[in-house]
């Protein structure tokens, strides 16, 4: 479901039809719209901060393990440095993607819920 464009289309259309003197129902919806955005993005930032903290802890543990691997003789193995470098790149890339994904999820949940509510759709069971 492409929720965000659908929600924007419904709400912009509603704003246009409401005109300069929106009804009480429209004013409630517009106020709800603003409050939902603030709440969704606060949840998003919280989720990203939590994920980033977890990623930092995992990274520190991996660095300590890599250091010990090298200190205990791994430095004498020909491909050890290259393998560790590739592992570091992969872990950092995955940590960044996981952090971004955790930030998108609260906004996506809110947008899809709004799309269903505004269009009168029922939630499908998977």
PDB file of N, CA and C in Angstrom:
ATOM      1  N   UNK A   1       0.848  -1.184   0.000  1.00  0.00           N
ATOM      2  CA  UNK A   1       0.000   0.000   0.000  1.00  0.00           C
ATOM      3  C   UNK A   1       0.891   1.244   0.000  1.00  0.00           C
ATOM      4  N   UNK A   2       0.623   2.147  -0.904  1.00  0.00           N
ATOM      5  CA  UNK A   2       1.322   3.426  -0.945  1.00  0.00           C
ATOM      6  C   UNK A   2       0.544   4.397  -0.068  1.00  0.00           C
ATOM      7  N   UNK A   3       0.769   4.323   1.236  1.00  0.00           N
ATOM      8  CA  UNK A   3      -0.064   5.040   2.194  1.00  0.00           C
ATOM      9  C   UNK A   3       0.157   6.545   2.184  1.00  0.00           C
ATOM     10  N   UNK A   4       1.395   6.987   2.174  1.00  0.00           N
ATOM     11  CA  UNK A   4       1.661   8.422   2.311  1.00  0.00           C
ATOM     12  C   UNK A   4       1.023   9.246   1.188  1.00  0.00           C
ATOM     13  N   UNK A   5       1.213   8.893  -0.086  1.00  0.00           N
ATOM     14  CA  UNK A   5       0.560   9.690  -1.134  1.00  0.00           C
ATOM     15  C   UNK A   5      -0.965   9.660  -1.034  1.00  0.00           C
ATOM     16  N   UNK A   6      -1.492   8.525  -0.627  1.00  0.00           N
ATOM     17  CA  UNK A   6      -2.941   8.389  -0.495  1.00  0.00           C
ATOM     18  C   UNK A   6      -3.462   9.307   0.611  1.00  0.00           C
ATOM     19  N   UNK A   7      -2.783   9.320   1.752  1.00  0.00           N
ATOM     20  CA  UNK A   7      -3.192  10.166   2.874  1.00  0.00           C
ATOM     21  C   UNK A   7      -3.070  11.641   2.496  1.00  0.00           C
ATOM     22  N   UNK A   8      -1.973  12.001   1.851  1.00  0.00           N
ATOM     23  CA  UNK A   8      -1.777  13.396   1.435  1.00  0.00           C
ATOM     24  C   UNK A   8      -2.891  13.820   0.482  1.00  0.00           C
ATOM     25  N   UNK A   9      -3.221  12.971  -0.480  1.00  0.00           N
ATOM     26  CA  UNK A   9      -4.268  13.311  -1.447  1.00  0.00           C
ATOM     27  C   UNK A   9      -5.612  13.529  -0.751  1.00  0.00           C
ATOM     28  N   UNK A  10      -5.963  12.644   0.171  1.00  0.00           N
ATOM     29  CA  UNK A  10      -7.241  12.777   0.877  1.00  0.00           C
ATOM     30  C   UNK A  10      -7.253  14.043   1.722  1.00  0.00           C
ATOM     31  N   UNK A  11      -6.169  14.281   2.441  1.00  0.00           N
ATOM     32  CA  UNK A  11      -6.150  15.437   3.346  1.00  0.00           C
ATOM     33  C   UNK A  11      -6.070  16.762   2.593  1.00  0.00           C
ATOM     34  N   UNK A  12      -5.296  16.824   1.534  1.00  0.00           N
ATOM     35  CA  UNK A  12      -5.233  18.068   0.750  1.00  0.00           C
ATOM     36  C   UNK A  12      -6.594  18.344   0.116  1.00  0.00           C
ATOM     37  N   UNK A  13      -7.221  17.303  -0.403  1.00  0.00           N
ATOM     38  CA  UNK A  13      -8.568  17.473  -0.947  1.00  0.00           C
ATOM     39  C   UNK A  13      -9.539  17.971   0.104  1.00  0.00           C
ATOM     40  N   UNK A  14      -9.400  17.446   1.297  1.00  0.00           N
ATOM     41  CA  UNK A  14     -10.283  17.876   2.384  1.00  0.00           C
ATOM     42  C   UNK A  14     -10.018  19.333   2.755  1.00  0.00           C
ATOM     43  N   UNK A  15      -8.758  19.729   2.758  1.00  0.00           N
ATOM     44  CA  UNK A  15      -8.424  21.125   3.061  1.00  0.00           C
ATOM     45  C   UNK A  15      -8.986  22.061   1.993  1.00  0.00           C
ATOM     46  N   UNK A  16      -8.890  21.643   0.734  1.00  0.00           N
ATOM     47  CA  UNK A  16      -9.409  22.476  -0.353  1.00  0.00           C
ATOM     48  C   UNK A  16     -10.924  22.635  -0.263  1.00  0.00           C
ATOM     49  N   UNK A  17     -11.613  21.547   0.043  1.00  0.00           N
ATOM     50  CA  UNK A  17     -13.075  21.637   0.128  1.00  0.00           C
ATOM     51  C   UNK A  17     -13.522  22.347   1.397  1.00  0.00           C
ATOM     52  N   UNK A  18     -12.693  22.332   2.440  1.00  0.00           N
ATOM     53  CA  UNK A  18     -13.054  23.011   3.689  1.00  0.00           C
ATOM     54  C   UNK A  18     -13.011  24.525   3.516  1.00  0.00           C
ATOM     55  N   UNK A  19     -12.096  24.988   2.687  1.00  0.00           N
ATOM     56  CA  UNK A  19     -11.995  26.426   2.445  1.00  0.00           C
ATOM     57  C   UNK A  19     -11.463  27.181   3.648  1.00  0.00           C
ATOM     58  N   UNK A  20     -11.679  28.511   3.657  1.00  0.00           N
ATOM     59  CA  UNK A  20     -11.121  29.331   4.738  1.00  0.00           C
ATOM     60  C   UNK A  20     -11.862  29.172   6.065  1.00  0.00           C
ATOM     61  N   UNK A  21     -13.060  28.613   6.042  1.00  0.00           N
ATOM     62  CA  UNK A  21     -13.850  28.417   7.261  1.00  0.00           C
ATOM     63  C   UNK A  21     -14.154  26.926   7.445  1.00  0.00           C
ATOM     64  N   UNK A  22     -13.150  26.126   7.880  1.00  0.00           N
ATOM     65  CA  UNK A  22     -13.401  24.688   8.026  1.00  0.00           C
ATOM     66  C   UNK A  22     -14.420  24.400   9.134  1.00  0.00           C
ATOM     67  N   UNK A  23     -15.135  23.318   8.956  1.00  0.00           N
ATOM     68  CA  UNK A  23     -16.120  22.906   9.963  1.00  0.00           C
ATOM     69  C   UNK A  23     -15.399  22.411  11.214  1.00  0.00           C
ATOM     70  N   UNK A  24     -16.152  22.206  12.268  1.00  0.00           N
ATOM     71  CA  UNK A  24     -15.565  21.694  13.512  1.00  0.00           C
ATOM     72  C   UNK A  24     -14.938  20.320  13.271  1.00  0.00           C
ATOM     73  N   UNK A  25     -15.596  19.503  12.480  1.00  0.00           N
ATOM     74  CA  UNK A  25     -15.057  18.170  12.160  1.00  0.00           C
ATOM     75  C   UNK A  25     -13.730  18.290  11.404  1.00  0.00           C
ATOM     76  N   UNK A  26     -13.682  19.200  10.434  1.00  0.00           N
ATOM     77  CA  UNK A  26     -12.445  19.403   9.679  1.00  0.00           C
ATOM     78  C   UNK A  26     -11.338  19.948  10.574  1.00  0.00           C
ATOM     79  N   UNK A  27     -11.676  20.898  11.445  1.00  0.00           N
ATOM     80  CA  UNK A  27     -10.659  21.448  12.351  1.00  0.00           C
ATOM     81  C   UNK A  27     -10.089  20.357  13.251  1.00  0.00           C
ATOM     82  N   UNK A  28     -10.950  19.454  13.743  1.00  0.00           N
ATOM     83  CA  UNK A  28     -10.467  18.335  14.568  1.00  0.00           C
ATOM     84  C   UNK A  28      -9.522  17.440  13.766  1.00  0.00           C
ATOM     85  N   UNK A  29      -9.903  17.157  12.528  1.00  0.00           N
ATOM     86  CA  UNK A  29      -9.059  16.309  11.671  1.00  0.00           C
ATOM     87  C   UNK A  29      -7.721  16.984  11.392  1.00  0.00           C
ATOM     88  N   UNK A  30      -7.734  18.276  11.119  1.00  0.00           N
ATOM     89  CA  UNK A  30      -6.487  18.988  10.826  1.00  0.00           C
ATOM     90  C   UNK A  30      -5.598  19.059  12.066  1.00  0.00           C
ATOM     91  N   UNK A  31      -6.218  19.250  13.219  1.00  0.00           N
ATOM     92  CA  UNK A  31      -5.437  19.266  14.463  1.00  0.00           C
ATOM     93  C   UNK A  31      -4.859  17.874  14.729  1.00  0.00           C
ATOM     94  N   UNK A  32      -5.663  16.857  14.501  1.00  0.00           N
ATOM     95  CA  UNK A  32      -5.190  15.480  14.676  1.00  0.00           C
ATOM     96  C   UNK A  32      -4.019  15.192  13.741  1.00  0.00           C
ATOM     97  N   UNK A  33      -4.117  15.704  12.514  1.00  0.00           N
ATOM     98  CA  UNK A  33      -3.067  15.501  11.528  1.00  0.00           C
ATOM     99  C   UNK A  33      -1.736  16.037  12.062  1.00  0.00           C
ATOM    100  N   UNK A  34      -1.736  17.232  12.599  1.00  0.00           N
ATOM    101  CA  UNK A  34      -0.502  17.814  13.131  1.00  0.00           C
ATOM    102  C   UNK A  34       0.027  17.049  14.327  1.00  0.00           C
ATOM    103  N   UNK A  35      -0.865  16.697  15.244  1.00  0.00           N
ATOM    104  CA  UNK A  35      -0.445  15.962  16.445  1.00  0.00           C
ATOM    105  C   UNK A  35       0.110  14.587  16.081  1.00  0.00           C
ATOM    106  N   UNK A  36      -0.507  13.930  15.103  1.00  0.00           N
ATOM    107  CA  UNK A  36      -0.027  12.608  14.686  1.00  0.00           C
ATOM    108  C   UNK A  36       1.371  12.675  14.088  1.00  0.00           C
ATOM    109  N   UNK A  37       1.638  13.721  13.333  1.00  0.00           N
ATOM    110  CA  UNK A  37       2.970  13.864  12.738  1.00  0.00           C
ATOM    111  C   UNK A  37       4.028  14.027  13.824  1.00  0.00           C
ATOM    112  N   UNK A  38       3.741  14.888  14.792  1.00  0.00           N
ATOM    113  CA  UNK A  38       4.690  15.105  15.886  1.00  0.00           C
ATOM    114  C   UNK A  38       4.922  13.799  16.639  1.00  0.00           C
ATOM    115  N   UNK A  39       3.849  13.091  16.947  1.00  0.00           N
ATOM    116  CA  UNK A  39       3.962  11.834  17.686  1.00  0.00           C
ATOM    117  C   UNK A  39       4.716  10.768  16.882  1.00  0.00           C
ATOM    118  N   UNK A  40       4.389  10.632  15.612  1.00  0.00           N
ATOM    119  CA  UNK A  40       5.050   9.613  14.781  1.00  0.00           C
ATOM    120  C   UNK A  40       6.542   9.898  14.651  1.00  0.00           C
ATOM    121  N   UNK A  41       6.907  11.158  14.459  1.00  0.00           N
ATOM    122  CA  UNK A  41       8.328  11.464  14.310  1.00  0.00           C
ATOM    123  C   UNK A  41       9.065  11.381  15.637  1.00  0.00           C
ATOM    124  N   UNK A  42       8.392  11.653  16.751  1.00  0.00           N
ATOM    125  CA  UNK A  42       9.022  11.441  18.061  1.00  0.00           C
ATOM    126  C   UNK A  42       9.293   9.951  18.267  1.00  0.00           C
ATOM    127  N   UNK A  43       8.324   9.116  17.908  1.00  0.00           N
ATOM    128  CA  UNK A  43       8.523   7.671  18.001  1.00  0.00           C
ATOM    129  C   UNK A  43       9.644   7.225  17.065  1.00  0.00           C
ATOM    130  N   UNK A  44       9.706   7.841  15.907  1.00  0.00           N
ATOM    131  CA  UNK A  44      10.746   7.512  14.940  1.00  0.00           C
ATOM    132  C   UNK A  44      12.130   7.827  15.496  1.00  0.00           C
ATOM    133  N   UNK A  45      12.298   9.018  16.031  1.00  0.00           N
ATOM    134  CA  UNK A  45      13.599   9.396  16.594  1.00  0.00           C
ATOM    135  C   UNK A  45      13.970   8.507  17.770  1.00  0.00           C
ATOM    136  N   UNK A  46      12.987   8.162  18.602  1.00  0.00           N
ATOM    137  CA  UNK A  46      13.254   7.274  19.739  1.00  0.00           C
ATOM    138  C   UNK A  46      13.711   5.906  19.250  1.00  0.00           C
ATOM    139  N   UNK A  47      13.032   5.375  18.253  1.00  0.00           N
ATOM    140  CA  UNK A  47      13.409   4.063  17.708  1.00  0.00           C
ATOM    141  C   UNK A  47      14.803   4.105  17.095  1.00  0.00           C
ATOM    142  N   UNK A  48      15.119   5.193  16.395  1.00  0.00           N
ATOM    143  CA  UNK A  48      16.442   5.313  15.780  1.00  0.00           C
ATOM    144  C   UNK A  48      17.530   5.445  16.841  1.00  0.00           C
ATOM    145  N   UNK A  49      17.256   6.206  17.893  1.00  0.00           N
ATOM    146  CA  UNK A  49      18.244   6.359  18.964  1.00  0.00           C
ATOM    147  C   UNK A  49      18.498   5.026  19.658  1.00  0.00           C
ATOM    148  N   UNK A  50      17.433   4.280  19.908  1.00  0.00           N
ATOM    149  CA  UNK A  50      17.572   2.971  20.544  1.00  0.00           C
ATOM    150  C   UNK A  50      18.367   2.021  19.653  1.00  0.00           C
ATOM    151  N   UNK A  51      18.047   2.002  18.365  1.00  0.00           N
ATOM    152  CA  UNK A  51      18.757   1.127  17.428  1.00  0.00           C
ATOM    153  C   UNK A  51      20.215   1.543  17.289  1.00  0.00           C
ATOM    154  N   UNK A  52      20.477   2.845  17.252  1.00  0.00           N
ATOM    155  CA  UNK A  52      21.860   3.323  17.134  1.00  0.00           C
ATOM    156  C   UNK A  52      22.672   2.938  18.369  1.00  0.00           C
ATOM    157  N   UNK A  53      22.066   3.029  19.539  1.00  0.00           N
ATOM    158  CA  UNK A  53      22.759   2.625  20.767  1.00  0.00           C
ATOM    159  C   UNK A  53      23.082   1.134  20.730  1.00  0.00           C
ATOM    160  N   UNK A  54      22.121   0.324  20.321  1.00  0.00           N
ATOM    161  CA  UNK A  54      22.364  -1.120  20.214  1.00  0.00           C
ATOM    162  C   UNK A  54      23.466  -1.402  19.193  1.00  0.00           C
ATOM    163  N   UNK A  55      23.456  -0.678  18.080  1.00  0.00           N
ATOM    164  CA  UNK A  55      24.485  -0.874  17.051  1.00  0.00           C
ATOM    165  C   UNK A  55      25.866  -0.495  17.582  1.00  0.00           C
ATOM    166  N   UNK A  56      25.942   0.576  18.367  1.00  0.00           N
ATOM    167  CA  UNK A  56      27.228   0.978  18.946  1.00  0.00           C
ATOM    168  C   UNK A  56      27.763  -0.099  19.881  1.00  0.00           C
ATOM    169  N   UNK A  57      26.873  -0.671  20.677  1.00  0.00           N
ATOM    170  CA  UNK A  57      27.296  -1.719  21.605  1.00  0.00           C
ATOM    171  C   UNK A  57      27.758  -2.961  20.847  1.00  0.00           C
ATOM    172  N   UNK A  58      27.036  -3.330  19.811  1.00  0.00           N
ATOM    173  CA  UNK A  58      27.434  -4.483  19.001  1.00  0.00           C
ATOM    174  C   UNK A  58      28.763  -4.216  18.302  1.00  0.00           C
ATOM    175  N   UNK A  59      28.947  -2.985  17.838  1.00  0.00           N
ATOM    176  CA  UNK A  59      30.192  -2.612  17.163  1.00  0.00           C
ATOM    177  C   UNK A  59      31.367  -2.688  18.131  1.00  0.00           C
ATOM    178  N   UNK A  60      31.187  -2.186  19.348  1.00  0.00           N
ATOM    179  CA  UNK A  60      32.263  -2.226  20.346  1.00  0.00           C
ATOM    180  C   UNK A  60      32.642  -3.671  20.667  1.00  0.00           C
ATOM    181  N   UNK A  61      31.650  -4.538  20.807  1.00  0.00           N
ATOM    182  CA  UNK A  61      31.920  -5.947  21.073  1.00  0.00           C
ATOM    183  C   UNK A  61      32.675  -6.572  19.898  1.00  0.00           C
ATOM    184  N   UNK A  62      32.239  -6.295  18.687  1.00  0.00           N
ATOM    185  CA  UNK A  62      32.913  -6.840  17.515  1.00  0.00           C
ATOM    186  C   UNK A  62      34.355  -6.336  17.438  1.00  0.00           C
ATOM    187  N   UNK A  63      34.574  -5.050  17.712  1.00  0.00           N
ATOM    188  CA  UNK A  63      35.938  -4.493  17.674  1.00  0.00           C
ATOM    189  C   UNK A  63      36.836  -5.176  18.703  1.00  0.00           C
ATOM    190  N   UNK A  64      36.303  -5.412  19.895  1.00  0.00           N
ATOM    191  CA  UNK A  64      37.093  -6.088  20.927  1.00  0.00           C
ATOM    192  C   UNK A  64      37.441  -7.511  20.487  1.00  0.00           C
ATOM    193  N   UNK A  65      36.477  -8.209  19.911  1.00  0.00           N
ATOM    194  CA  UNK A  65      36.739  -9.567  19.433  1.00  0.00           C
ATOM    195  C   UNK A  65      37.760  -9.562  18.301  1.00  0.00           C
ATOM    196  N   UNK A  66      37.645  -8.597  17.394  1.00  0.00           N
ATOM    197  CA  UNK A  66      38.595  -8.505  16.282  1.00  0.00           C
ATOM    198  C   UNK A  66      39.995  -8.189  16.801  1.00  0.00           C
ATOM    199  N   UNK A  67      40.072  -7.305  17.781  1.00  0.00           N
ATOM    200  CA  UNK A  67      41.372  -6.954  18.356  1.00  0.00           C
ATOM    201  C   UNK A  67      42.026  -8.185  18.974  1.00  0.00           C
ATOM    202  N   UNK A  68      41.248  -8.950  19.739  1.00  0.00           N
ATOM    203  CA  UNK A  68      41.802 -10.158  20.358  1.00  0.00           C
ATOM    204  C   UNK A  68      42.198 -11.186  19.306  1.00  0.00           C
ATOM    205  N   UNK A  69      41.422 -11.294  18.258  1.00  0.00           N
ATOM    206  CA  UNK A  69      41.755 -12.230  17.182  1.00  0.00           C
ATOM    207  C   UNK A  69      43.108 -11.861  16.575  1.00  0.00           C
ATOM    208  N   UNK A  70      43.343 -10.594  16.353  1.00  0.00           N
ATOM    209  CA  UNK A  70      44.625 -10.145  15.798  1.00  0.00           C
ATOM    210  C   UNK A  70      45.744 -10.296  16.834  1.00  0.00           C
ATOM    211  N   UNK A  71      45.455  -9.948  18.077  1.00  0.00           N
ATOM    212  CA  UNK A  71      46.480  -9.996  19.121  1.00  0.00           C
ATOM    213  C   UNK A  71      46.945 -11.418  19.400  1.00  0.00           C
ATOM    214  N   UNK A  72      46.069 -12.379  19.222  1.00  0.00           N
ATOM    215  CA  UNK A  72      46.409 -13.769  19.531  1.00  0.00           C
ATOM    216  C   UNK A  72      46.944 -14.532  18.318  1.00  0.00           C
ATOM    217  N   UNK A  73      47.463 -13.819  17.356  1.00  0.00           N
ATOM    218  CA  UNK A  73      48.127 -14.482  16.241  1.00  0.00           C
ATOM    219  C   UNK A  73      47.452 -14.324  14.907  1.00  0.00           C
ATOM    220  N   UNK A  74      46.297 -13.721  14.868  1.00  0.00           N
ATOM    221  CA  UNK A  74      45.601 -13.535  13.604  1.00  0.00           C
ATOM    222  C   UNK A  74      46.350 -12.643  12.641  1.00  0.00           C
ATOM    223  N   UNK A  75      47.211 -11.784  13.183  1.00  0.00           N
ATOM    224  CA  UNK A  75      47.961 -10.866  12.316  1.00  0.00           C
ATOM    225  C   UNK A  75      48.942 -11.604  11.420  1.00  0.00           C
ATOM    226  N   UNK A  76      49.239 -12.865  11.768  1.00  0.00           N
ATOM    227  CA  UNK A  76      50.179 -13.642  10.954  1.00  0.00           C
ATOM    228  C   UNK A  76      49.484 -14.350   9.790  1.00  0.00           C
ATOM    229  N   UNK A  77      48.168 -14.378   9.782  1.00  0.00           N
ATOM    230  CA  UNK A  77      47.427 -15.030   8.697  1.00  0.00           C
ATOM    231  C   UNK A  77      47.269 -14.046   7.542  1.00  0.00           C
ATOM    232  N   UNK A  78      47.550 -14.485   6.332  1.00  0.00           N
ATOM    233  CA  UNK A  78      47.593 -13.570   5.184  1.00  0.00           C
ATOM    234  C   UNK A  78      46.309 -12.758   4.943  1.00  0.00           C
ATOM    235  N   UNK A  79      45.157 -13.369   4.982  1.00  0.00           N
ATOM    236  CA  UNK A  79      43.922 -12.646   4.638  1.00  0.00           C
ATOM    237  C   UNK A  79      43.162 -12.103   5.824  1.00  0.00           C
ATOM    238  N   UNK A  80      43.734 -12.176   7.009  1.00  0.00           N
ATOM    239  CA  UNK A  80      42.991 -11.789   8.212  1.00  0.00           C
ATOM    240  C   UNK A  80      42.594 -10.314   8.207  1.00  0.00           C
ATOM    241  N   UNK A  81      43.519  -9.426   7.825  1.00  0.00           N
ATOM    242  CA  UNK A  81      43.213  -7.990   7.830  1.00  0.00           C
ATOM    243  C   UNK A  81      42.112  -7.664   6.826  1.00  0.00           C
ATOM    244  N   UNK A  82      42.216  -8.261   5.644  1.00  0.00           N
ATOM    245  CA  UNK A  82      41.210  -8.004   4.610  1.00  0.00           C
ATOM    246  C   UNK A  82      39.842  -8.522   5.047  1.00  0.00           C
ATOM    247  N   UNK A  83      39.827  -9.699   5.645  1.00  0.00           N
ATOM    248  CA  UNK A  83      38.574 -10.281   6.126  1.00  0.00           C
ATOM    249  C   UNK A  83      37.953  -9.397   7.208  1.00  0.00           C
ATOM    250  N   UNK A  84      38.777  -8.897   8.125  1.00  0.00           N
ATOM    251  CA  UNK A  84      38.259  -8.015   9.169  1.00  0.00           C
ATOM    252  C   UNK A  84      37.736  -6.702   8.583  1.00  0.00           C
ATOM    253  N   UNK A  85      38.428  -6.163   7.600  1.00  0.00           N
ATOM    254  CA  UNK A  85      37.981  -4.915   6.973  1.00  0.00           C
ATOM    255  C   UNK A  85      36.628  -5.107   6.285  1.00  0.00           C
ATOM    256  N   UNK A  86      36.476  -6.226   5.555  1.00  0.00           N
ATOM    257  CA  UNK A  86      35.188  -6.503   4.907  1.00  0.00           C
ATOM    258  C   UNK A  86      34.087  -6.690   5.941  1.00  0.00           C
ATOM    259  N   UNK A  87      34.415  -7.383   7.033  1.00  0.00           N
ATOM    260  CA  UNK A  87      33.433  -7.576   8.100  1.00  0.00           C
ATOM    261  C   UNK A  87      33.021  -6.260   8.734  1.00  0.00           C
ATOM    262  N   UNK A  88      33.988  -5.364   8.920  1.00  0.00           N
ATOM    263  CA  UNK A  88      33.687  -4.055   9.507  1.00  0.00           C
ATOM    264  C   UNK A  88      32.772  -3.251   8.586  1.00  0.00           C
ATOM    265  N   UNK A  89      33.076  -3.252   7.298  1.00  0.00           N
ATOM    266  CA  UNK A  89      32.244  -2.520   6.337  1.00  0.00           C
ATOM    267  C   UNK A  89      30.818  -3.058   6.328  1.00  0.00           C
ATOM    268  N   UNK A  90      30.693  -4.370   6.324  1.00  0.00           N
ATOM    269  CA  UNK A  90      29.364  -4.981   6.291  1.00  0.00           C
ATOM    270  C   UNK A  90      28.585  -4.654   7.557  1.00  0.00           C
ATOM    271  N   UNK A  91      29.221  -4.736   8.706  1.00  0.00           N
ATOM    272  CA  UNK A  91      28.534  -4.450   9.966  1.00  0.00           C
ATOM    273  C   UNK A  91      28.081  -2.989  10.037  1.00  0.00           C
ATOM    274  N   UNK A  92      28.934  -2.077   9.608  1.00  0.00           N
ATOM    275  CA  UNK A  92      28.559  -0.662   9.627  1.00  0.00           C
ATOM    276  C   UNK A  92      27.419  -0.372   8.653  1.00  0.00           C
ATOM    277  N   UNK A  93      27.466  -0.971   7.480  1.00  0.00           N
ATOM    278  CA  UNK A  93      26.403  -0.789   6.488  1.00  0.00           C
ATOM    279  C   UNK A  93      25.076  -1.319   7.036  1.00  0.00           C
ATOM    280  N   UNK A  94      25.093  -2.510   7.613  1.00  0.00           N
ATOM    281  CA  UNK A  94      23.872  -3.097   8.164  1.00  0.00           C
ATOM    282  C   UNK A  94      23.346  -2.285   9.340  1.00  0.00           C
ATOM    283  N   UNK A  95      24.244  -1.765  10.169  1.00  0.00           N
ATOM    284  CA  UNK A  95      23.818  -0.953  11.310  1.00  0.00           C
ATOM    285  C   UNK A  95      23.119   0.318  10.833  1.00  0.00           C
ATOM    286  N   UNK A  96      23.652   0.945   9.805  1.00  0.00           N
ATOM    287  CA  UNK A  96      23.015   2.143   9.259  1.00  0.00           C
ATOM    288  C   UNK A  96      21.647   1.854   8.674  1.00  0.00           C
ATOM    289  N   UNK A  97      21.545   0.759   7.932  1.00  0.00           N
ATOM    290  CA  UNK A  97      20.256   0.385   7.349  1.00  0.00           C
ATOM    291  C   UNK A  97      19.241   0.015   8.427  1.00  0.00           C
ATOM    292  N   UNK A  98      19.671  -0.726   9.441  1.00  0.00           N
ATOM    293  CA  UNK A  98      18.769  -1.093  10.535  1.00  0.00           C
ATOM    294  C   UNK A  98      18.273   0.142  11.276  1.00  0.00           C
ATOM    295  N   UNK A  99      19.162   1.112  11.476  1.00  0.00           N
ATOM    296  CA  UNK A  99      18.772   2.344  12.165  1.00  0.00           C
ATOM    297  C   UNK A  99      17.747   3.116  11.335  1.00  0.00           C
ATOM    298  N   UNK A 100      17.999   3.239  10.042  1.00  0.00           N
ATOM    299  CA  UNK A 100      17.051   3.944   9.172  1.00  0.00           C
ATOM    300  C   UNK A 100      15.704   3.223   9.125  1.00  0.00           C
ATOM    301  N   UNK A 101      15.733   1.905   9.016  1.00  0.00           N
ATOM    302  CA  UNK A 101      14.494   1.129   8.969  1.00  0.00           C
ATOM    303  C   UNK A 101      13.695   1.284  10.258  1.00  0.00           C
ATOM    304  N   UNK A 102      14.376   1.273  11.389  1.00  0.00           N
ATOM    305  CA  UNK A 102      13.658   1.426  12.657  1.00  0.00           C
ATOM    306  C   UNK A 102      13.013   2.802  12.756  1.00  0.00           C
ATOM    307  N   UNK A 103      13.592   3.803  12.091  1.00  0.00           N
ATOM    308  CA  UNK A 103      12.999   5.135  12.093  1.00  0.00           C
ATOM    309  C   UNK A 103      11.805   5.262  11.168  1.00  0.00           C
ATOM    310  N   UNK A 104      11.788   4.495  10.103  1.00  0.00           N
ATOM    311  CA  UNK A 104      10.683   4.559   9.140  1.00  0.00           C
ATOM    312  C   UNK A 104       9.449   3.813   9.652  1.00  0.00           C
ATOM    313  N   UNK A 105       9.647   2.769  10.422  1.00  0.00           N
ATOM    314  CA  UNK A 105       8.523   1.916  10.831  1.00  0.00           C
ATOM    315  C   UNK A 105       7.405   2.663  11.567  1.00  0.00           C
ATOM    316  N   UNK A 106       7.693   3.520  12.567  1.00  0.00           N
ATOM    317  CA  UNK A 106       6.578   4.220  13.228  1.00  0.00           C
ATOM    318  C   UNK A 106       5.804   5.143  12.278  1.00  0.00           C
ATOM    319  N   UNK A 107       6.510   5.809  11.381  1.00  0.00           N
ATOM    320  CA  UNK A 107       5.856   6.703  10.425  1.00  0.00           C
ATOM    321  C   UNK A 107       5.009   5.880   9.450  1.00  0.00           C
ATOM    322  N   UNK A 108       5.539   4.749   9.003  1.00  0.00           N
ATOM    323  CA  UNK A 108       4.796   3.880   8.083  1.00  0.00           C
ATOM    324  C   UNK A 108       3.526   3.336   8.748  1.00  0.00           C
ATOM    325  N   UNK A 109       3.654   2.898   9.999  1.00  0.00           N
ATOM    326  CA  UNK A 109       2.469   2.382  10.707  1.00  0.00           C
ATOM    327  C   UNK A 109       1.377   3.447  10.786  1.00  0.00           C
ATOM    328  N   UNK A 110       1.784   4.669  11.121  1.00  0.00           N
ATOM    329  CA  UNK A 110       0.804   5.753  11.248  1.00  0.00           C
ATOM    330  C   UNK A 110       0.190   6.093   9.891  1.00  0.00           C
ATOM    331  N   UNK A 111       1.009   6.145   8.859  1.00  0.00           N
ATOM    332  CA  UNK A 111       0.498   6.492   7.524  1.00  0.00           C
ATOM    333  C   UNK A 111      -0.469   5.433   7.010  1.00  0.00           C
ATOM    334  N   UNK A 112      -0.142   4.156   7.196  1.00  0.00           N
ATOM    335  CA  UNK A 112      -1.052   3.108   6.714  1.00  0.00           C
ATOM    336  C   UNK A 112      -2.346   3.095   7.524  1.00  0.00           C
ATOM    337  N   UNK A 113      -2.252   3.353   8.823  1.00  0.00           N
ATOM    338  CA  UNK A 113      -3.467   3.425   9.644  1.00  0.00           C
ATOM    339  C   UNK A 113      -4.338   4.599   9.190  1.00  0.00           C
ATOM    340  N   UNK A 114      -3.721   5.727   8.900  1.00  0.00           N
ATOM    341  CA  UNK A 114      -4.473   6.887   8.417  1.00  0.00           C
ATOM    342  C   UNK A 114      -5.097   6.619   7.056  1.00  0.00           C
ATOM    343  N   UNK A 115      -4.369   5.961   6.185  1.00  0.00           N
ATOM    344  CA  UNK A 115      -4.918   5.646   4.864  1.00  0.00           C
ATOM    345  C   UNK A 115      -6.165   4.781   5.006  1.00  0.00           C
ATOM    346  N   UNK A 116      -6.100   3.787   5.871  1.00  0.00           N
ATOM    347  CA  UNK A 116      -7.279   2.933   6.091  1.00  0.00           C
ATOM    348  C   UNK A 116      -8.426   3.739   6.691  1.00  0.00           C
ATOM    349  N   UNK A 117      -8.119   4.565   7.673  1.00  0.00           N
ATOM    350  CA  UNK A 117      -9.163   5.337   8.353  1.00  0.00           C
ATOM    351  C   UNK A 117      -9.804   6.344   7.400  1.00  0.00           C
ATOM    352  N   UNK A 118      -8.982   7.062   6.651  1.00  0.00           N
ATOM    353  CA  UNK A 118      -9.502   8.119   5.787  1.00  0.00           C
ATOM    354  C   UNK A 118     -10.245   7.583   4.568  1.00  0.00           C
ATOM    355  N   UNK A 119      -9.895   6.394   4.116  1.00  0.00           N
ATOM    356  CA  UNK A 119     -10.570   5.827   2.945  1.00  0.00           C
ATOM    357  C   UNK A 119     -11.636   4.807   3.326  1.00  0.00           C
ATOM    358  N   UNK A 120     -11.770   4.536   4.610  1.00  0.00           N
ATOM    359  CA  UNK A 120     -12.792   3.609   5.074  1.00  0.00           C
ATOM    360  C   UNK A 120     -12.467   2.152   4.838  1.00  0.00           C
ATOM    361  N   UNK A 121     -11.199   1.839   4.610  1.00  0.00           N
ATOM    362  CA  UNK A 121     -10.797   0.444   4.379  1.00  0.00           C
ATOM    363  C   UNK A 121     -10.635  -0.285   5.705  1.00  0.00           C
ATOM    364  N   UNK A 122     -10.873  -1.569   5.656  1.00  0.00           N
ATOM    365  CA  UNK A 122     -10.626  -2.431   6.803  1.00  0.00           C
ATOM    366  C   UNK A 122      -9.226  -3.001   6.691  1.00  0.00           C
ATOM    367  N   UNK A 123      -8.632  -3.307   7.819  1.00  0.00           N
ATOM    368  CA  UNK A 123      -7.297  -3.905   7.831  1.00  0.00           C
ATOM    369  C   UNK A 123      -7.391  -5.346   7.346  1.00  0.00           C
ATOM    370  N   UNK A 124      -6.535  -5.701   6.399  1.00  0.00           N
ATOM    371  CA  UNK A 124      -6.555  -7.070   5.868  1.00  0.00           C
ATOM    372  C   UNK A 124      -5.747  -7.985   6.766  1.00  0.00           C
ATOM    373  N   UNK A 125      -6.210  -9.195   6.915  1.00  0.00           N
ATOM    374  CA  UNK A 125      -5.510 -10.213   7.718  1.00  0.00           C
ATOM    375  C   UNK A 125      -4.522 -10.932   6.825  1.00  0.00           C
ATOM    376  N   UNK A 126      -3.313 -11.115   7.315  1.00  0.00           N
ATOM    377  CA  UNK A 126      -2.293 -11.828   6.527  1.00  0.00           C
ATOM    378  C   UNK A 126      -2.017 -13.156   7.145  1.00  0.00           C
TER     379      UNK A 126
END
